[in-house]
């Protein structure tokens, strides 16, 4: 991951809209107004709309979305000037439109965040194995929901790290500690971090908020991250695809190309809504729910504005395959997928899209 989550913590932003209205915290669609309890800026009166002046330097201490997934940020003057209003305002009022900022994990409830040595057993058939090179089953399993610490990874396997040695995990004064060795197990039996979400009905639900599908099959749930997309709306991507996307985005930024996500991960319900609209003739082409590559973190709709001759598309054609991204759907200049093996093959011959994809 390129930055911690939330990515905006400790950063300073500039208000670039000349009408950066502060919103009512109870109803974000309503504008907040000065009351007698407020410190009034020069020229303001009780009842006037609260506005954060253009070019104000602010820090962001929170992010919310409304029913339409529009992003609002809690902006506080960076210099501590109490005469300048603080409060919730639209994310696009800030420089860069708050694009590509990460706000949270989904699920959001964690005892230990993903990253590091802390993992949770999620496979009900998580076999305990002997040490390498064979890692033979011992005929016993680790209970789902067990919180473990990875203490060693296999080096003799292909790929390296296919098996891991784990111990029971405990928190001691906020620090993850190993307490009693369990043995070796397949790394795929584990999910990063410690969260009660892993043992919830929602995590096991094949139509749940984190459920991933490939080729019509439920392949389990994945951790998602909330990311601000183009147009100031909140999107989601899988945690395991985030690093690849940010590598692409950073490379684009170095060439002054402002890459952003229009559509990332889609839940089963979201894909069904799009497909229903397509079938009804009122929506764009959309795959049947369960078959879209947007449903497991591989596909990204990016903010290309057209085919050849447009800045972002031309950059993606040239650089995308070298960074693992290729075009896979005919007629959709915006649809790119992270397919490192295909991308490596195509980059070697100067191509950027799978065979048969037109134009």
Protein backbone atom coordinates (compact mmCIF):
# COMPACT_ATOMS: atom_id res chain seq x y z
CA UNK A 1 0.00 0.00 0.00
CA UNK A 2 1.44 3.37 -0.94
CA UNK A 3 0.17 5.21 2.19
CA UNK A 4 -1.53 4.37 5.47
CA UNK A 5 -5.30 4.37 5.68
CA UNK A 6 -6.68 6.98 5.96
CA UNK A 7 -4.27 8.44 3.42
CA UNK A 8 -5.20 12.05 4.15
CA UNK A 9 -4.10 12.01 7.79
CA UNK A 10 -1.53 14.70 8.50
CA UNK A 11 -1.75 16.24 5.03
CA UNK A 12 -2.74 19.81 4.23
CA UNK A 13 -5.17 20.67 1.46
CA UNK A 14 -6.20 23.96 -0.16
CA UNK A 15 -9.80 25.08 -0.65
CA UNK A 16 -10.06 25.87 -4.37
CA UNK A 17 -13.80 26.57 -4.69
CA UNK A 18 -15.00 30.14 -4.14
CA UNK A 19 -18.22 28.81 -2.59
CA UNK A 20 -17.04 26.01 -0.29
CA UNK A 21 -20.22 25.75 1.74
CA UNK A 22 -20.20 24.12 5.16
CA UNK A 23 -22.94 21.52 5.53
CA UNK A 24 -25.31 20.73 8.38
CA UNK A 25 -23.77 17.66 10.08
CA UNK A 26 -27.23 16.15 10.56
CA UNK A 27 -28.29 16.75 6.94
CA UNK A 28 -25.47 17.05 4.47
CA UNK A 29 -27.83 18.33 1.79
CA UNK A 30 -28.49 21.42 3.93
CA UNK A 31 -26.15 24.40 4.35
CA UNK A 32 -25.00 25.30 7.87
CA UNK A 33 -25.60 28.88 9.04
CA UNK A 34 -23.98 31.05 11.69
CA UNK A 35 -25.69 31.14 15.07
CA UNK A 36 -25.23 33.40 18.08
CA UNK A 37 -22.89 30.80 19.56
CA UNK A 38 -20.46 31.04 16.65
CA UNK A 39 -17.48 33.34 16.34
CA UNK A 40 -18.49 35.51 13.40
CA UNK A 41 -15.87 36.26 10.73
CA UNK A 42 -15.58 39.91 9.68
CA UNK A 43 -18.65 41.01 7.72
CA UNK A 44 -20.74 37.95 8.65
CA UNK A 45 -24.03 38.01 10.55
CA UNK A 46 -26.13 35.46 12.37
CA UNK A 47 -28.09 33.50 9.76
CA UNK A 48 -25.52 33.85 6.99
CA UNK A 49 -24.29 30.70 5.24
CA UNK A 50 -21.04 29.25 6.51
CA UNK A 51 -18.39 29.29 3.78
CA UNK A 52 -14.74 28.29 4.01
CA UNK A 53 -12.84 31.03 2.15
CA UNK A 54 -11.06 30.11 -1.06
CA UNK A 55 -7.33 29.33 -0.65
CA UNK A 56 -7.75 28.40 3.01
CA UNK A 57 -5.27 25.71 4.05
CA UNK A 58 -7.14 22.92 5.83
CA UNK A 59 -6.58 19.50 7.34
CA UNK A 60 -9.17 16.74 6.97
CA UNK A 61 -10.21 14.89 10.12
CA UNK A 62 -13.05 12.76 8.75
CA UNK A 63 -14.85 11.56 5.63
CA UNK A 64 -18.54 10.78 5.09
CA UNK A 65 -20.71 9.90 2.12
CA UNK A 66 -24.40 10.42 1.41
CA UNK A 67 -26.85 8.03 -0.24
CA UNK A 68 -25.45 8.98 -3.64
CA UNK A 69 -21.87 8.11 -2.54
CA UNK A 70 -20.87 11.79 -2.75
CA UNK A 71 -17.83 12.48 -0.57
CA UNK A 72 -17.86 15.07 2.22
CA UNK A 73 -14.83 15.94 4.34
CA UNK A 74 -14.56 17.55 7.74
CA UNK A 75 -12.20 20.45 7.05
CA UNK A 76 -10.37 22.34 9.82
CA UNK A 77 -8.22 25.47 9.18
CA UNK A 78 -4.63 24.30 9.34
CA UNK A 79 -3.50 27.44 11.17
CA UNK A 80 -6.10 27.03 13.92
CA UNK A 81 -7.90 30.31 13.09
CA UNK A 82 -11.21 29.98 14.95
CA UNK A 83 -12.79 32.79 12.92
CA UNK A 84 -12.67 30.56 9.80
CA UNK A 85 -15.49 27.98 9.80
CA UNK A 86 -14.71 24.32 10.27
CA UNK A 87 -17.13 21.62 9.21
CA UNK A 88 -18.35 19.22 6.58
CA UNK A 89 -17.89 20.33 2.99
CA UNK A 90 -17.88 18.63 -0.40
CA UNK A 91 -14.59 16.88 -1.13
CA UNK A 92 -14.35 18.42 -4.58
CA UNK A 93 -13.95 21.84 -2.93
CA UNK A 94 -10.33 20.86 -2.17
CA UNK A 95 -7.39 20.90 -4.52
CA UNK A 96 -7.21 17.76 -6.61
CA UNK A 97 -10.87 17.05 -5.82
CA UNK A 98 -9.63 14.73 -3.04
CA UNK A 99 -9.10 12.20 -5.85
CA UNK A 100 -7.50 8.85 -4.96
CA UNK A 101 -7.60 9.47 -1.22
CA UNK A 102 -8.23 6.35 0.87
CA UNK A 103 -10.67 6.79 3.74
CA UNK A 104 -11.30 3.41 5.35
CA UNK A 105 -11.24 -0.34 5.19
CA UNK A 106 -14.39 -2.37 4.62
CA UNK A 107 -15.11 -4.03 6.96
CA UNK A 108 -14.33 -1.09 9.24
CA UNK A 109 -14.24 -2.91 12.61
CA UNK A 110 -10.70 -4.06 13.50
CA UNK A 111 -8.84 -5.07 16.63
CA UNK A 112 -5.60 -5.22 14.61
CA UNK A 113 -5.50 -3.65 11.15
CA UNK A 114 -4.29 -5.57 8.08
CA UNK A 115 -0.56 -5.46 7.58
CA UNK A 116 2.13 -6.97 9.71
CA UNK A 117 2.13 -10.44 11.26
CA UNK A 118 -1.45 -10.62 12.57
CA UNK A 119 -3.86 -12.87 10.65
CA UNK A 120 -7.22 -14.58 11.20
CA UNK A 121 -8.00 -18.15 10.15
CA UNK A 122 -10.98 -18.05 7.76
CA UNK A 123 -10.96 -21.51 6.15
CA UNK A 124 -12.93 -24.17 8.07
CA UNK A 125 -10.53 -26.77 6.63
CA UNK A 126 -7.29 -25.04 7.63
CA UNK A 127 -5.05 -28.10 7.97
CA UNK A 128 -2.10 -28.08 10.34
CA UNK A 129 0.97 -29.35 8.51
CA UNK A 130 4.43 -30.55 9.35
CA UNK A 131 7.52 -28.62 8.37
CA UNK A 132 8.96 -28.56 4.87
CA UNK A 133 9.92 -29.54 2.34
CA UNK A 134 6.74 -31.67 2.12
CA UNK A 135 4.44 -29.89 4.60
CA UNK A 136 2.38 -33.04 5.10
CA UNK A 137 -1.01 -32.81 6.78
CA UNK A 138 -1.16 -33.82 10.44
CA UNK A 139 -4.89 -34.56 10.12
CA UNK A 140 -5.99 -31.72 12.41
CA UNK A 141 -7.28 -28.24 11.64
CA UNK A 142 -7.19 -24.74 13.10
CA UNK A 143 -10.59 -23.44 14.16
CA UNK A 144 -12.04 -20.64 11.97
CA UNK A 145 -11.73 -17.28 13.69
CA UNK A 146 -8.47 -18.21 15.43
CA UNK A 147 -6.21 -15.18 15.68
CA UNK A 148 -2.66 -16.09 14.78
CA UNK A 149 0.77 -14.59 14.28
CA UNK A 150 2.85 -15.63 11.27
CA UNK A 151 6.35 -16.41 12.48
CA UNK A 152 7.91 -17.93 9.35
CA UNK A 153 7.19 -18.36 5.63
CA UNK A 154 8.24 -21.24 3.37
CA UNK A 155 11.20 -20.53 1.10
CA UNK A 156 11.44 -23.88 -0.70
CA UNK A 157 7.96 -23.77 -2.25
CA UNK A 158 6.77 -22.36 -5.56
CA UNK A 159 5.65 -19.72 -4.96
CA UNK A 160 7.71 -18.86 -1.92
CA UNK A 161 5.49 -18.27 1.11
CA UNK A 162 2.83 -20.79 0.04
CA UNK A 163 2.94 -22.18 3.59
CA UNK A 164 3.38 -20.24 6.83
CA UNK A 165 4.21 -21.22 10.39
CA UNK A 166 1.74 -19.72 12.86
CA UNK A 167 1.33 -19.29 16.59
CA UNK A 168 -1.66 -18.19 18.63
CA UNK A 169 -1.83 -14.41 18.80
CA UNK A 170 -2.48 -12.11 21.73
CA UNK A 171 -2.38 -8.36 22.31
CA UNK A 172 -0.02 -7.20 25.05
CA UNK A 173 -0.25 -3.46 25.77
CA UNK A 174 -1.47 -2.92 22.22
CA UNK A 175 1.31 -4.99 20.64
CA UNK A 176 0.81 -8.24 18.72
CA UNK A 177 2.57 -11.14 20.39
CA UNK A 178 2.95 -14.87 19.58
CA UNK A 179 1.78 -17.21 22.33
CA UNK A 180 2.18 -20.93 21.70
CA UNK A 181 3.16 -22.44 18.35
CA UNK A 182 0.41 -24.09 16.26
CA UNK A 183 2.36 -25.30 13.21
CA UNK A 184 2.47 -24.83 9.47
CA UNK A 185 -0.60 -24.18 7.33
CA UNK A 186 -1.44 -22.98 3.83
CA UNK A 187 -1.20 -19.17 3.63
CA UNK A 188 -4.50 -19.09 1.73
CA UNK A 189 -6.26 -20.20 4.94
CA UNK A 190 -5.56 -16.81 6.50
CA UNK A 191 -6.90 -13.28 6.10
CA UNK A 192 -4.88 -10.24 7.21
CA UNK A 193 -5.59 -8.50 10.49
CA UNK A 194 -7.82 -9.42 13.43
CA UNK A 195 -11.51 -8.66 13.02
CA UNK A 196 -14.76 -10.17 14.24
CA UNK A 197 -16.07 -9.57 10.72
CA UNK A 198 -14.29 -12.73 9.58
CA UNK A 199 -16.68 -14.89 11.62
CA UNK A 200 -19.83 -12.93 10.73
CA UNK A 201 -22.67 -14.11 8.52
CA UNK A 202 -21.97 -11.19 6.16
CA UNK A 203 -18.40 -12.39 5.49
CA UNK A 204 -19.68 -15.89 4.61
CA UNK A 205 -22.61 -14.59 2.53
CA UNK A 206 -22.04 -15.13 -1.19
CA UNK A 207 -24.09 -11.98 -1.85
CA UNK A 208 -22.57 -10.00 1.01
CA UNK A 209 -20.80 -6.62 0.82
CA UNK A 210 -17.33 -8.20 0.46
CA UNK A 211 -18.30 -11.25 -1.60
CA UNK A 212 -16.12 -11.87 -4.65
CA UNK A 213 -17.14 -13.76 -7.77
CA UNK A 214 -15.21 -15.05 -10.77
CA UNK A 215 -16.66 -16.79 -13.83
CA UNK A 216 -19.98 -17.38 -12.11
CA UNK A 217 -18.47 -18.85 -8.92
CA UNK A 218 -18.29 -17.36 -5.42
CA UNK A 219 -14.59 -17.33 -4.50
CA UNK A 220 -14.88 -15.95 -0.97
CA UNK A 221 -14.83 -12.49 0.55
CA UNK A 222 -12.02 -9.94 0.33
CA UNK A 223 -11.04 -6.85 2.27
CA UNK A 224 -12.00 -3.67 0.44
CA UNK A 225 -10.78 -0.10 0.78
CA UNK A 226 -12.83 3.04 0.18
CA UNK A 227 -11.21 5.33 -2.39
CA UNK A 228 -12.36 8.68 -3.76
CA UNK A 229 -13.06 8.36 -7.46
CA UNK A 230 -13.68 10.85 -10.21
CA UNK A 231 -16.63 13.18 -9.78
CA UNK A 232 -16.16 13.18 -6.00
CA UNK A 233 -17.88 9.84 -5.44
CA UNK A 234 -16.67 7.07 -3.18
CA UNK A 235 -15.59 3.87 -4.92
CA UNK A 236 -14.08 0.65 -3.61
CA UNK A 237 -11.17 -1.54 -4.66
CA UNK A 238 -9.88 -4.76 -3.14
CA UNK A 239 -6.98 -4.39 -0.74
CA UNK A 240 -4.95 -6.90 -2.73
CA UNK A 241 -5.33 -4.87 -5.95
CA UNK A 242 -4.66 -1.48 -4.35
CA UNK A 243 -0.87 -1.63 -4.64
CA UNK A 244 -1.05 -2.35 -8.38
CA UNK A 245 -3.47 0.53 -8.96
CA UNK A 246 -1.40 3.04 -7.00
CA UNK A 247 1.75 2.01 -8.83
CA UNK A 248 -0.08 2.79 -12.08
CA UNK A 249 -1.51 6.04 -10.69
CA UNK A 250 1.86 7.22 -9.38
CA UNK A 251 3.53 6.52 -12.72
CA UNK A 252 0.81 8.54 -14.45
CA UNK A 253 1.19 11.42 -11.99
CA UNK A 254 4.90 11.64 -12.79
CA UNK A 255 3.84 12.49 -16.36
CA UNK A 256 1.15 14.94 -15.15
CA UNK A 257 -1.61 12.48 -16.05
CA UNK A 258 -4.41 12.61 -13.48
CA UNK A 259 -5.63 9.02 -13.34
CA UNK A 260 -8.77 8.20 -11.39
CA UNK A 261 -11.32 5.46 -10.88
CA UNK A 262 -14.83 5.75 -12.30
CA UNK A 263 -15.90 2.28 -11.16
CA UNK A 264 -13.92 -0.29 -9.19
CA UNK A 265 -15.18 -3.20 -7.12
CA UNK A 266 -18.87 -4.04 -7.46
CA UNK A 267 -20.98 -6.06 -5.08
CA UNK A 268 -23.26 -8.77 -6.45
CA UNK A 269 -26.24 -6.46 -5.87
CA UNK A 270 -24.58 -3.54 -7.69
CA UNK A 271 -23.73 -5.72 -10.69
CA UNK A 272 -27.28 -7.06 -10.74
CA UNK A 273 -28.70 -3.52 -10.84
CA UNK A 274 -26.48 -2.63 -13.80
CA UNK A 275 -27.35 -5.84 -15.63
CA UNK A 276 -31.08 -5.34 -15.01
CA UNK A 277 -30.84 -1.84 -16.53
CA UNK A 278 -28.99 -3.26 -19.54
CA UNK A 279 -31.62 -5.96 -20.07
CA UNK A 280 -34.37 -3.35 -19.77
CA UNK A 281 -32.68 -1.25 -22.45
CA UNK A 282 -32.06 1.68 -20.14
CA UNK A 283 -28.43 1.03 -19.23
CA UNK A 284 -25.02 0.32 -20.70
CA UNK A 285 -23.66 -3.13 -21.47
CA UNK A 286 -23.17 -5.03 -18.20
CA UNK A 287 -22.22 -8.63 -17.54
CA UNK A 288 -24.49 -10.99 -15.64
CA UNK A 289 -23.98 -10.76 -11.88
CA UNK A 290 -21.27 -13.17 -10.82
CA UNK A 291 -19.41 -12.99 -14.13
CA UNK A 292 -18.00 -9.45 -14.15
CA UNK A 293 -14.31 -9.00 -13.39
CA UNK A 294 -15.34 -5.94 -11.37
CA UNK A 295 -16.56 -8.42 -8.75
CA UNK A 296 -13.17 -9.69 -7.57
CA UNK A 297 -10.82 -6.72 -7.91
CA UNK A 298 -9.33 -7.31 -11.35
CA UNK A 299 -11.24 -4.72 -13.42
CA UNK A 300 -11.03 -0.93 -13.21
CA UNK A 301 -13.05 1.60 -15.16
CA UNK A 302 -10.67 4.56 -15.48
CA UNK A 303 -11.27 8.19 -16.40
CA UNK A 304 -10.33 7.97 -20.04
CA UNK A 305 -12.42 10.33 -22.13
CA UNK A 306 -12.05 8.58 -25.49
CA UNK A 307 -9.83 6.43 -27.65
CA UNK A 308 -6.70 7.47 -29.59
CA UNK A 309 -5.76 11.12 -29.24
CA UNK A 310 -6.95 11.53 -25.65
CA UNK A 311 -4.29 12.09 -23.00
CA UNK A 312 -5.08 9.39 -20.45
CA UNK A 313 -5.90 6.69 -22.99
CA UNK A 314 -2.74 7.35 -24.98
CA UNK A 315 -0.66 7.15 -21.79
CA UNK A 316 -2.34 3.88 -20.75
CA UNK A 317 -1.70 2.36 -24.18
CA UNK A 318 1.99 3.10 -23.82
CA UNK A 319 2.61 2.44 -20.15
CA UNK A 320 -0.29 0.32 -18.85
CA UNK A 321 1.02 -3.10 -19.98
CA UNK A 322 4.43 -2.48 -18.41
CA UNK A 323 2.62 -1.98 -15.12
CA UNK A 324 0.31 -4.98 -15.49
CA UNK A 325 -2.79 -3.33 -16.98
CA UNK A 326 -4.42 -4.19 -20.33
CA UNK A 327 -7.66 -3.51 -22.17
CA UNK A 328 -10.04 -6.48 -22.28
CA UNK A 329 -13.47 -5.32 -23.51
CA UNK A 330 -14.29 -4.21 -27.05
CA UNK A 331 -15.63 -0.69 -27.42
CA UNK A 332 -14.82 0.34 -23.85
CA UNK A 333 -11.79 2.62 -23.72
CA UNK A 334 -12.29 3.00 -19.96
CA UNK A 335 -12.19 -0.70 -19.00
CA UNK A 336 -8.70 -1.89 -17.96
CA UNK A 337 -7.77 -4.98 -16.00
CA UNK A 338 -4.81 -5.92 -13.87
CA UNK A 339 -3.49 -9.05 -15.61
CA UNK A 340 0.26 -9.10 -15.05
CA UNK A 341 0.91 -12.29 -17.04
CA UNK A 342 -1.09 -11.14 -20.08
CA UNK A 343 0.37 -7.66 -19.75
CA UNK A 344 3.94 -8.96 -19.74
CA UNK A 345 3.27 -10.96 -22.90
CA UNK A 346 1.57 -8.06 -24.68
CA UNK A 347 4.18 -5.50 -23.63
CA UNK A 348 6.89 -7.67 -25.17
CA UNK A 349 5.28 -7.27 -28.61
CA UNK A 350 4.16 -3.65 -28.18
CA UNK A 351 0.46 -4.44 -27.65
CA UNK A 352 -1.93 -3.21 -24.98
CA UNK A 353 -5.17 -5.19 -25.41
CA UNK A 354 -6.16 -8.83 -25.52
CA UNK A 355 -6.58 -10.54 -28.87
CA UNK A 356 -9.99 -9.86 -30.41
CA UNK A 357 -10.61 -6.63 -28.50
CA UNK A 358 -11.77 -3.83 -30.82
CA UNK A 359 -11.28 -1.05 -31.61
